[in-house]
N, C-alpha and C. Protein backbone atom coordinates (compact mmCIF):
# COMPACT_ATOMS: atom_id res chain seq x y z
N UNK A 1 0.83 -1.20 0.00
CA UNK A 1 0.00 0.00 0.00
C UNK A 1 0.87 1.26 0.00
N UNK A 2 1.92 1.25 0.79
CA UNK A 2 2.83 2.40 0.86
C UNK A 2 3.49 2.65 -0.50
N UNK A 3 3.85 1.60 -1.22
CA UNK A 3 4.46 1.74 -2.54
C UNK A 3 3.50 2.41 -3.52
N UNK A 4 2.23 2.06 -3.45
CA UNK A 4 1.22 2.66 -4.33
C UNK A 4 1.10 4.15 -4.03
N UNK A 5 1.12 4.51 -2.75
CA UNK A 5 1.04 5.93 -2.39
C UNK A 5 2.25 6.70 -2.92
N UNK A 6 3.43 6.11 -2.81
CA UNK A 6 4.63 6.77 -3.29
C UNK A 6 4.57 6.93 -4.81
N UNK A 7 4.17 5.87 -5.51
CA UNK A 7 4.05 5.94 -6.97
C UNK A 7 3.03 7.01 -7.39
N UNK A 8 1.92 7.07 -6.68
CA UNK A 8 0.89 8.06 -6.97
C UNK A 8 1.44 9.48 -6.79
N UNK A 9 2.20 9.71 -5.73
CA UNK A 9 2.81 11.02 -5.51
C UNK A 9 3.82 11.37 -6.61
N UNK A 10 4.58 10.39 -7.07
CA UNK A 10 5.53 10.62 -8.15
C UNK A 10 4.79 10.99 -9.43
N UNK A 11 3.73 10.27 -9.75
CA UNK A 11 2.95 10.56 -10.95
C UNK A 11 2.36 11.97 -10.87
N UNK A 12 1.83 12.35 -9.72
CA UNK A 12 1.26 13.68 -9.55
C UNK A 12 2.34 14.74 -9.71
N UNK A 13 3.50 14.52 -9.13
CA UNK A 13 4.60 15.48 -9.23
C UNK A 13 5.06 15.65 -10.67
N UNK A 14 5.19 14.56 -11.40
CA UNK A 14 5.62 14.62 -12.80
C UNK A 14 4.57 15.34 -13.63
N UNK A 15 3.32 14.99 -13.45
CA UNK A 15 2.25 15.62 -14.23
C UNK A 15 2.14 17.11 -13.95
N UNK A 16 2.39 17.51 -12.72
CA UNK A 16 2.27 18.93 -12.39
C UNK A 16 3.38 19.76 -13.02
N UNK A 17 4.48 19.15 -13.41
CA UNK A 17 5.56 19.90 -14.04
C UNK A 17 5.46 19.93 -15.56
N UNK A 18 4.58 19.13 -16.14
CA UNK A 18 4.41 19.13 -17.59
C UNK A 18 3.69 20.41 -18.01
N UNK A 19 4.09 20.94 -19.14
CA UNK A 19 3.45 22.15 -19.65
C UNK A 19 2.13 21.80 -20.31
N UNK A 20 1.17 22.63 -20.05
CA UNK A 20 -0.15 22.46 -20.64
C UNK A 20 -0.50 23.77 -21.33
N UNK A 21 -0.99 23.68 -22.55
CA UNK A 21 -1.37 24.88 -23.28
C UNK A 21 -2.48 25.60 -22.52
N UNK A 22 -2.44 26.92 -22.59
CA UNK A 22 -3.44 27.73 -21.91
C UNK A 22 -4.83 27.43 -22.47
N UNK A 23 -5.79 27.37 -21.57
CA UNK A 23 -7.17 27.15 -21.97
C UNK A 23 -7.84 28.48 -22.28
N UNK A 24 -8.80 28.42 -23.18
CA UNK A 24 -9.65 29.57 -23.46
C UNK A 24 -11.02 29.22 -22.92
N UNK A 25 -11.55 30.05 -22.03
CA UNK A 25 -12.85 29.77 -21.42
C UNK A 25 -13.78 30.95 -21.62
N UNK A 26 -15.06 30.65 -21.68
CA UNK A 26 -16.08 31.68 -21.80
C UNK A 26 -16.11 32.50 -20.51
N UNK A 27 -16.24 33.80 -20.64
CA UNK A 27 -16.34 34.64 -19.44
C UNK A 27 -17.60 34.29 -18.67
N UNK A 28 -17.46 34.13 -17.37
CA UNK A 28 -18.60 33.77 -16.53
C UNK A 28 -19.59 34.92 -16.41
N UNK A 29 -19.09 36.15 -16.40
CA UNK A 29 -19.98 37.32 -16.34
C UNK A 29 -19.40 38.41 -17.23
N UNK A 30 -20.25 39.29 -17.72
CA UNK A 30 -19.78 40.34 -18.62
C UNK A 30 -18.80 41.28 -17.93
N UNK A 31 -17.87 41.81 -18.70
CA UNK A 31 -16.94 42.81 -18.19
C UNK A 31 -17.67 44.15 -18.10
N UNK A 32 -17.26 44.99 -17.18
CA UNK A 32 -17.89 46.32 -17.11
C UNK A 32 -17.59 47.10 -18.39
N UNK A 33 -18.57 47.88 -18.81
CA UNK A 33 -18.39 48.70 -20.01
C UNK A 33 -17.29 49.71 -19.76
N UNK A 34 -16.57 50.04 -20.83
CA UNK A 34 -15.50 51.03 -20.75
C UNK A 34 -16.01 52.31 -21.38
N UNK A 35 -16.01 53.39 -20.61
CA UNK A 35 -16.50 54.66 -21.15
C UNK A 35 -15.41 55.31 -21.99
N UNK A 36 -15.85 56.07 -22.97
CA UNK A 36 -14.91 56.77 -23.83
C UNK A 36 -14.19 55.88 -24.82
N UNK A 37 -14.69 54.69 -25.06
CA UNK A 37 -14.03 53.76 -25.97
C UNK A 37 -14.89 53.52 -27.22
N UNK A 38 -15.55 54.58 -27.68
CA UNK A 38 -16.39 54.47 -28.87
C UNK A 38 -15.62 54.78 -30.14
N UNK A 39 -14.39 55.24 -30.00
CA UNK A 39 -13.56 55.59 -31.16
C UNK A 39 -13.14 54.31 -31.87
N UNK A 40 -13.23 54.27 -33.19
CA UNK A 40 -12.78 53.07 -33.92
C UNK A 40 -11.30 52.80 -33.67
N UNK A 41 -10.98 51.53 -33.41
CA UNK A 41 -9.58 51.17 -33.20
C UNK A 41 -9.14 50.00 -34.07
N UNK A 42 -10.10 49.35 -34.75
CA UNK A 42 -9.76 48.25 -35.66
C UNK A 42 -10.50 48.43 -36.97
N UNK A 43 -9.76 48.37 -38.07
CA UNK A 43 -10.37 48.42 -39.39
C UNK A 43 -10.27 47.05 -40.02
N UNK A 44 -11.42 46.54 -40.46
CA UNK A 44 -11.49 45.26 -41.17
C UNK A 44 -11.84 45.54 -42.61
N UNK A 45 -11.14 44.89 -43.55
CA UNK A 45 -11.50 45.04 -44.96
C UNK A 45 -11.54 43.65 -45.60
N UNK A 46 -12.54 43.49 -46.48
CA UNK A 46 -12.70 42.23 -47.21
C UNK A 46 -13.76 42.42 -48.28
N UNK A 47 -13.45 41.96 -49.48
CA UNK A 47 -14.39 41.93 -50.59
C UNK A 47 -15.08 43.29 -50.81
N UNK A 48 -14.29 44.35 -50.78
CA UNK A 48 -14.84 45.68 -51.03
C UNK A 48 -15.55 46.32 -49.85
N UNK A 49 -15.64 45.63 -48.73
CA UNK A 49 -16.30 46.16 -47.55
C UNK A 49 -15.25 46.61 -46.53
N UNK A 50 -15.55 47.70 -45.83
CA UNK A 50 -14.69 48.19 -44.77
C UNK A 50 -15.52 48.40 -43.52
N UNK A 51 -15.03 47.90 -42.41
CA UNK A 51 -15.68 48.06 -41.11
C UNK A 51 -14.67 48.71 -40.16
N UNK A 52 -15.10 49.75 -39.47
CA UNK A 52 -14.27 50.39 -38.45
C UNK A 52 -14.93 50.13 -37.10
N UNK A 53 -14.24 49.35 -36.28
CA UNK A 53 -14.84 48.87 -35.03
C UNK A 53 -14.22 49.52 -33.80
N UNK A 54 -15.07 49.86 -32.86
CA UNK A 54 -14.63 50.35 -31.56
C UNK A 54 -14.44 49.15 -30.63
N UNK A 55 -13.87 49.40 -29.48
CA UNK A 55 -13.72 48.35 -28.48
C UNK A 55 -15.08 47.77 -28.12
N UNK A 56 -16.06 48.63 -27.93
CA UNK A 56 -17.41 48.17 -27.57
C UNK A 56 -18.00 47.27 -28.66
N UNK A 57 -17.77 47.62 -29.92
CA UNK A 57 -18.30 46.81 -31.03
C UNK A 57 -17.61 45.45 -31.09
N UNK A 58 -16.31 45.42 -30.88
CA UNK A 58 -15.60 44.14 -30.86
C UNK A 58 -16.11 43.27 -29.72
N UNK A 59 -16.30 43.89 -28.57
CA UNK A 59 -16.71 43.14 -27.38
C UNK A 59 -18.19 42.76 -27.36
N UNK A 60 -18.93 43.09 -28.41
CA UNK A 60 -20.30 42.58 -28.54
C UNK A 60 -20.30 41.11 -28.94
N UNK A 61 -19.17 40.65 -29.49
CA UNK A 61 -19.01 39.23 -29.80
C UNK A 61 -18.87 38.46 -28.49
N UNK A 62 -19.08 37.14 -28.52
CA UNK A 62 -18.88 36.37 -27.28
C UNK A 62 -17.47 36.60 -26.72
N UNK A 63 -17.40 36.84 -25.43
CA UNK A 63 -16.13 37.15 -24.78
C UNK A 63 -15.58 35.92 -24.06
N UNK A 64 -14.26 35.79 -24.12
CA UNK A 64 -13.55 34.67 -23.51
C UNK A 64 -12.38 35.22 -22.71
N UNK A 65 -11.74 34.33 -21.98
CA UNK A 65 -10.51 34.71 -21.30
C UNK A 65 -9.54 33.55 -21.30
N UNK A 66 -8.26 33.91 -21.20
CA UNK A 66 -7.20 32.92 -21.14
C UNK A 66 -6.08 33.48 -20.27
N UNK A 67 -5.43 32.61 -19.56
CA UNK A 67 -4.30 33.03 -18.72
C UNK A 67 -3.03 32.50 -19.36
N UNK A 68 -2.11 33.41 -19.68
CA UNK A 68 -0.86 32.98 -20.30
C UNK A 68 0.22 34.02 -20.12
N UNK A 69 1.42 33.62 -20.53
CA UNK A 69 2.58 34.50 -20.56
C UNK A 69 3.05 34.58 -22.00
N UNK A 70 3.25 35.80 -22.48
CA UNK A 70 3.73 35.98 -23.84
C UNK A 70 5.24 35.85 -23.87
N UNK A 71 5.80 35.68 -25.05
CA UNK A 71 7.24 35.55 -25.17
C UNK A 71 7.96 36.87 -24.89
N UNK A 72 7.24 38.00 -24.85
CA UNK A 72 7.87 39.27 -24.51
C UNK A 72 7.66 39.61 -23.03
N UNK A 73 7.13 38.64 -22.25
CA UNK A 73 7.06 38.79 -20.80
C UNK A 73 5.76 39.30 -20.22
N UNK A 74 4.78 39.61 -21.04
CA UNK A 74 3.49 40.05 -20.54
C UNK A 74 2.75 38.82 -20.01
N UNK A 75 2.23 38.92 -18.80
CA UNK A 75 1.60 37.76 -18.18
C UNK A 75 0.33 38.18 -17.46
N UNK A 76 -0.66 37.29 -17.49
CA UNK A 76 -1.90 37.56 -16.76
C UNK A 76 -3.09 36.93 -17.44
N UNK A 77 -4.26 37.37 -17.03
CA UNK A 77 -5.51 36.89 -17.62
C UNK A 77 -5.98 37.90 -18.66
N UNK A 78 -6.00 37.44 -19.90
CA UNK A 78 -6.42 38.27 -21.02
C UNK A 78 -7.88 37.97 -21.33
N UNK A 79 -8.64 39.01 -21.63
CA UNK A 79 -10.02 38.85 -22.09
C UNK A 79 -10.08 39.34 -23.54
N UNK A 80 -10.98 38.71 -24.30
CA UNK A 80 -11.12 39.11 -25.70
C UNK A 80 -12.05 38.20 -26.45
N UNK A 81 -11.89 38.20 -27.76
CA UNK A 81 -12.78 37.43 -28.63
C UNK A 81 -11.97 36.42 -29.43
N UNK A 82 -12.63 35.37 -29.85
CA UNK A 82 -11.98 34.40 -30.72
C UNK A 82 -11.91 34.99 -32.12
N UNK A 83 -10.78 34.83 -32.76
CA UNK A 83 -10.65 35.31 -34.14
C UNK A 83 -11.68 34.64 -35.04
N UNK A 84 -11.99 33.38 -34.77
CA UNK A 84 -12.99 32.68 -35.60
C UNK A 84 -14.35 33.37 -35.50
N UNK A 85 -14.72 33.86 -34.33
CA UNK A 85 -15.99 34.58 -34.17
C UNK A 85 -15.96 35.91 -34.91
N UNK A 86 -14.84 36.63 -34.81
CA UNK A 86 -14.72 37.92 -35.50
C UNK A 86 -14.79 37.73 -37.01
N UNK A 87 -14.04 36.75 -37.52
CA UNK A 87 -14.03 36.51 -38.96
C UNK A 87 -15.40 36.07 -39.47
N UNK A 88 -16.08 35.27 -38.70
CA UNK A 88 -17.42 34.82 -39.09
C UNK A 88 -18.42 35.98 -39.06
N UNK A 89 -18.36 36.80 -38.02
CA UNK A 89 -19.31 37.91 -37.87
C UNK A 89 -19.21 38.91 -39.02
N UNK A 90 -18.01 39.07 -39.57
CA UNK A 90 -17.81 40.04 -40.65
C UNK A 90 -17.58 39.36 -42.00
N UNK A 91 -18.03 38.13 -42.09
CA UNK A 91 -18.02 37.35 -43.35
C UNK A 91 -16.65 37.35 -44.03
N UNK A 92 -15.63 37.02 -43.25
CA UNK A 92 -14.27 37.01 -43.77
C UNK A 92 -13.68 35.61 -43.84
N UNK A 93 -14.48 34.59 -43.58
CA UNK A 93 -13.96 33.23 -43.48
C UNK A 93 -13.59 32.63 -44.83
N UNK A 94 -14.01 33.23 -45.92
CA UNK A 94 -13.67 32.68 -47.24
C UNK A 94 -12.32 33.18 -47.76
N UNK A 95 -11.67 34.03 -47.00
CA UNK A 95 -10.37 34.56 -47.43
C UNK A 95 -9.31 33.46 -47.37
N UNK A 96 -8.27 33.63 -48.14
CA UNK A 96 -7.13 32.70 -48.14
C UNK A 96 -6.09 33.09 -47.10
N UNK A 97 -5.99 34.41 -46.85
CA UNK A 97 -4.99 34.89 -45.89
C UNK A 97 -5.46 36.20 -45.28
N UNK A 98 -4.85 36.53 -44.15
CA UNK A 98 -5.14 37.78 -43.46
C UNK A 98 -3.84 38.58 -43.35
N UNK A 99 -3.92 39.83 -43.72
CA UNK A 99 -2.80 40.74 -43.52
C UNK A 99 -3.15 41.57 -42.28
N UNK A 100 -2.36 41.40 -41.22
CA UNK A 100 -2.63 42.05 -39.95
C UNK A 100 -1.58 43.14 -39.75
N UNK A 101 -2.05 44.37 -39.61
CA UNK A 101 -1.15 45.52 -39.48
C UNK A 101 -1.24 46.10 -38.08
N UNK A 102 -0.09 46.62 -37.62
CA UNK A 102 0.00 47.22 -36.29
C UNK A 102 0.21 48.72 -36.40
N UNK A 103 0.01 49.38 -35.28
CA UNK A 103 0.17 50.84 -35.24
C UNK A 103 1.58 51.30 -35.56
N UNK A 104 2.58 50.43 -35.36
CA UNK A 104 3.97 50.78 -35.66
C UNK A 104 4.37 50.41 -37.09
N UNK A 105 3.36 50.13 -37.93
CA UNK A 105 3.53 49.77 -39.34
C UNK A 105 4.05 48.35 -39.55
N UNK A 106 4.11 47.56 -38.50
CA UNK A 106 4.45 46.14 -38.66
C UNK A 106 3.30 45.47 -39.38
N UNK A 107 3.62 44.53 -40.26
CA UNK A 107 2.58 43.81 -41.01
C UNK A 107 2.93 42.33 -41.03
N UNK A 108 1.95 41.50 -40.71
CA UNK A 108 2.14 40.06 -40.73
C UNK A 108 1.02 39.45 -41.57
N UNK A 109 1.40 38.62 -42.53
CA UNK A 109 0.40 37.94 -43.35
C UNK A 109 0.35 36.48 -42.92
N UNK A 110 -0.85 36.05 -42.53
CA UNK A 110 -1.06 34.69 -42.04
C UNK A 110 -2.07 33.97 -42.92
N UNK A 111 -1.78 32.72 -43.21
CA UNK A 111 -2.72 31.90 -43.98
C UNK A 111 -3.96 31.63 -43.13
N UNK A 112 -5.10 31.60 -43.77
CA UNK A 112 -6.35 31.35 -43.06
C UNK A 112 -6.32 30.00 -42.35
N UNK A 113 -5.57 29.04 -42.90
CA UNK A 113 -5.50 27.72 -42.26
C UNK A 113 -4.91 27.80 -40.86
N UNK A 114 -4.10 28.84 -40.62
CA UNK A 114 -3.55 29.06 -39.28
C UNK A 114 -4.67 29.23 -38.25
N UNK A 115 -5.74 29.88 -38.67
CA UNK A 115 -6.87 30.13 -37.78
C UNK A 115 -7.81 28.92 -37.71
N UNK A 116 -7.67 28.00 -38.65
CA UNK A 116 -8.48 26.78 -38.65
C UNK A 116 -7.84 25.68 -37.84
N UNK A 117 -6.51 25.71 -37.68
CA UNK A 117 -5.81 24.65 -36.94
C UNK A 117 -5.50 25.05 -35.51
N UNK A 118 -5.48 26.34 -35.23
CA UNK A 118 -5.23 26.84 -33.87
C UNK A 118 -6.21 27.96 -33.57
N UNK A 119 -6.54 28.11 -32.31
CA UNK A 119 -7.53 29.12 -31.92
C UNK A 119 -6.84 30.46 -31.67
N UNK A 120 -6.91 31.36 -32.65
CA UNK A 120 -6.40 32.71 -32.46
C UNK A 120 -7.30 33.47 -31.51
N UNK A 121 -6.71 34.27 -30.66
CA UNK A 121 -7.43 34.99 -29.61
C UNK A 121 -7.07 36.46 -29.71
N UNK A 122 -8.06 37.30 -29.97
CA UNK A 122 -7.83 38.74 -30.06
C UNK A 122 -8.09 39.35 -28.69
N UNK A 123 -7.00 39.64 -27.98
CA UNK A 123 -7.11 40.19 -26.62
C UNK A 123 -7.47 41.67 -26.70
N UNK A 124 -8.50 42.04 -25.95
CA UNK A 124 -8.94 43.43 -25.85
C UNK A 124 -8.66 44.00 -24.46
N UNK A 125 -8.43 43.10 -23.49
CA UNK A 125 -8.20 43.54 -22.12
C UNK A 125 -7.21 42.60 -21.43
N UNK A 126 -6.58 43.14 -20.41
CA UNK A 126 -5.70 42.38 -19.53
C UNK A 126 -6.16 42.64 -18.11
N UNK A 127 -6.48 41.58 -17.41
CA UNK A 127 -7.00 41.68 -16.03
C UNK A 127 -8.25 42.57 -15.98
N UNK A 128 -9.06 42.50 -17.05
CA UNK A 128 -10.33 43.23 -17.08
C UNK A 128 -10.24 44.67 -17.52
N UNK A 129 -9.04 45.17 -17.79
CA UNK A 129 -8.87 46.57 -18.19
C UNK A 129 -8.36 46.65 -19.62
N UNK A 130 -8.80 47.66 -20.38
CA UNK A 130 -8.27 47.82 -21.73
C UNK A 130 -6.74 47.86 -21.71
N UNK A 131 -6.13 47.30 -22.74
CA UNK A 131 -4.67 47.23 -22.80
C UNK A 131 -4.15 48.55 -23.38
N UNK A 132 -3.36 49.29 -22.61
CA UNK A 132 -2.86 50.57 -23.13
C UNK A 132 -1.81 50.37 -24.22
N UNK A 133 -1.66 51.37 -25.05
CA UNK A 133 -0.71 51.32 -26.15
C UNK A 133 0.71 51.03 -25.65
N UNK A 134 1.10 51.60 -24.52
CA UNK A 134 2.45 51.37 -24.00
C UNK A 134 2.66 49.93 -23.52
N UNK A 135 1.59 49.16 -23.42
CA UNK A 135 1.69 47.73 -23.08
C UNK A 135 1.31 46.85 -24.27
N UNK A 136 1.54 47.36 -25.47
CA UNK A 136 1.32 46.64 -26.72
C UNK A 136 -0.15 46.55 -27.11
N UNK A 137 -1.00 47.37 -26.49
CA UNK A 137 -2.41 47.39 -26.82
C UNK A 137 -2.68 48.30 -28.01
N UNK A 138 -3.90 48.53 -28.32
CA UNK A 138 -5.08 48.09 -27.58
C UNK A 138 -5.55 46.67 -27.93
N UNK A 139 -5.04 46.10 -29.02
CA UNK A 139 -5.44 44.76 -29.44
C UNK A 139 -4.21 43.90 -29.68
N UNK A 140 -4.24 42.67 -29.17
CA UNK A 140 -3.11 41.76 -29.32
C UNK A 140 -3.62 40.41 -29.81
N UNK A 141 -3.01 39.88 -30.85
CA UNK A 141 -3.34 38.54 -31.33
C UNK A 141 -2.47 37.53 -30.57
N UNK A 142 -3.13 36.67 -29.79
CA UNK A 142 -2.45 35.65 -28.99
C UNK A 142 -2.83 34.27 -29.50
N UNK A 143 -1.98 33.30 -29.21
CA UNK A 143 -2.20 31.90 -29.59
C UNK A 143 -2.02 31.04 -28.35
N UNK A 144 -3.04 30.93 -27.49
CA UNK A 144 -2.89 30.19 -26.24
C UNK A 144 -2.39 28.75 -26.41
N UNK A 145 -2.80 28.08 -27.48
CA UNK A 145 -2.36 26.69 -27.68
C UNK A 145 -0.88 26.60 -28.05
N UNK A 146 -0.27 27.74 -28.41
CA UNK A 146 1.13 27.76 -28.81
C UNK A 146 2.01 28.44 -27.76
N UNK A 147 1.45 28.67 -26.59
CA UNK A 147 2.19 29.41 -25.55
C UNK A 147 3.53 28.77 -25.22
N UNK A 148 3.53 27.49 -24.94
CA UNK A 148 4.76 26.82 -24.52
C UNK A 148 5.81 26.85 -25.63
N UNK A 149 5.40 26.58 -26.87
CA UNK A 149 6.35 26.65 -27.99
C UNK A 149 6.95 28.04 -28.13
N UNK A 150 6.11 29.06 -27.96
CA UNK A 150 6.60 30.43 -28.06
C UNK A 150 7.59 30.75 -26.94
N UNK A 151 7.27 30.33 -25.73
CA UNK A 151 8.16 30.60 -24.60
C UNK A 151 9.48 29.86 -24.71
N UNK A 152 9.46 28.71 -25.36
CA UNK A 152 10.68 27.91 -25.53
C UNK A 152 11.44 28.27 -26.80
N UNK A 153 10.93 29.25 -27.57
CA UNK A 153 11.61 29.67 -28.79
C UNK A 153 11.40 28.73 -29.96
N UNK A 154 10.40 27.85 -29.86
CA UNK A 154 10.13 26.88 -30.94
C UNK A 154 9.06 27.38 -31.91
N UNK A 155 8.56 28.58 -31.69
CA UNK A 155 7.53 29.14 -32.57
C UNK A 155 7.99 30.53 -33.02
N UNK A 156 7.62 30.88 -34.23
CA UNK A 156 7.98 32.22 -34.70
C UNK A 156 7.05 33.24 -34.06
N UNK A 157 7.55 34.43 -33.94
CA UNK A 157 6.76 35.49 -33.32
C UNK A 157 5.89 36.23 -34.34
N UNK A 158 6.00 35.89 -35.61
CA UNK A 158 5.28 36.65 -36.63
C UNK A 158 3.77 36.55 -36.50
N UNK A 159 3.26 35.50 -35.87
CA UNK A 159 1.81 35.37 -35.73
C UNK A 159 1.29 35.97 -34.43
N UNK A 160 2.18 36.36 -33.53
CA UNK A 160 1.79 37.03 -32.29
C UNK A 160 1.94 38.54 -32.55
N UNK A 161 0.83 39.20 -32.87
CA UNK A 161 0.89 40.60 -33.30
C UNK A 161 0.26 41.49 -32.23
N UNK A 162 0.97 42.56 -31.86
CA UNK A 162 0.43 43.47 -30.88
C UNK A 162 0.16 44.83 -31.52
N UNK A 163 -0.58 45.66 -30.80
CA UNK A 163 -0.97 47.01 -31.27
C UNK A 163 -1.64 46.93 -32.64
N UNK A 164 -2.53 45.96 -32.80
CA UNK A 164 -3.20 45.74 -34.09
C UNK A 164 -4.12 46.91 -34.41
N UNK A 165 -4.01 47.38 -35.67
CA UNK A 165 -4.88 48.48 -36.12
C UNK A 165 -5.80 48.06 -37.26
N UNK A 166 -5.38 47.04 -38.05
CA UNK A 166 -6.23 46.63 -39.17
C UNK A 166 -6.00 45.16 -39.54
N UNK A 167 -7.05 44.59 -40.11
CA UNK A 167 -7.00 43.23 -40.64
C UNK A 167 -7.62 43.27 -42.02
N UNK A 168 -6.83 42.87 -43.00
CA UNK A 168 -7.28 42.86 -44.39
C UNK A 168 -7.35 41.41 -44.85
N UNK A 169 -8.56 40.93 -45.15
CA UNK A 169 -8.75 39.56 -45.61
C UNK A 169 -8.65 39.53 -47.12
N UNK A 170 -7.78 38.64 -47.63
CA UNK A 170 -7.54 38.56 -49.08
C UNK A 170 -7.84 37.16 -49.59
């Protein structure tokens, strides 16, 4: 009996040290509304249509949260929307690729299959508060299922985009 207890403790200890990808969970309750955030901060373009969305408009989609650490050291509980929900809501799912641009003129082009094989997460808040520009906000594209690979340097950073200003579906 003592041997079984020791083996069980060893198994628990080993399992607790294994890395597990961050989970994305539905928010249990709505976040408080943010006043003064009606200004458009994200431009979506696809098939001749242009949408300029405010934080409030983005957050009308189902909201989720995930706890993770980014490869640039930002850590905590992020709230936001699933990229799949955003793309579906604005009829962008038929695109082959997305060109994601940041406020600093950085541009990353990602194949749509990237969003079909992994759950992209558009973070709008950190610990319930809007993400300020000086903390890579206001919008950050995160990949919770790729957290460990990113932290270990096994994933490229090109798909983790911060200070997002526009998404162009092509």
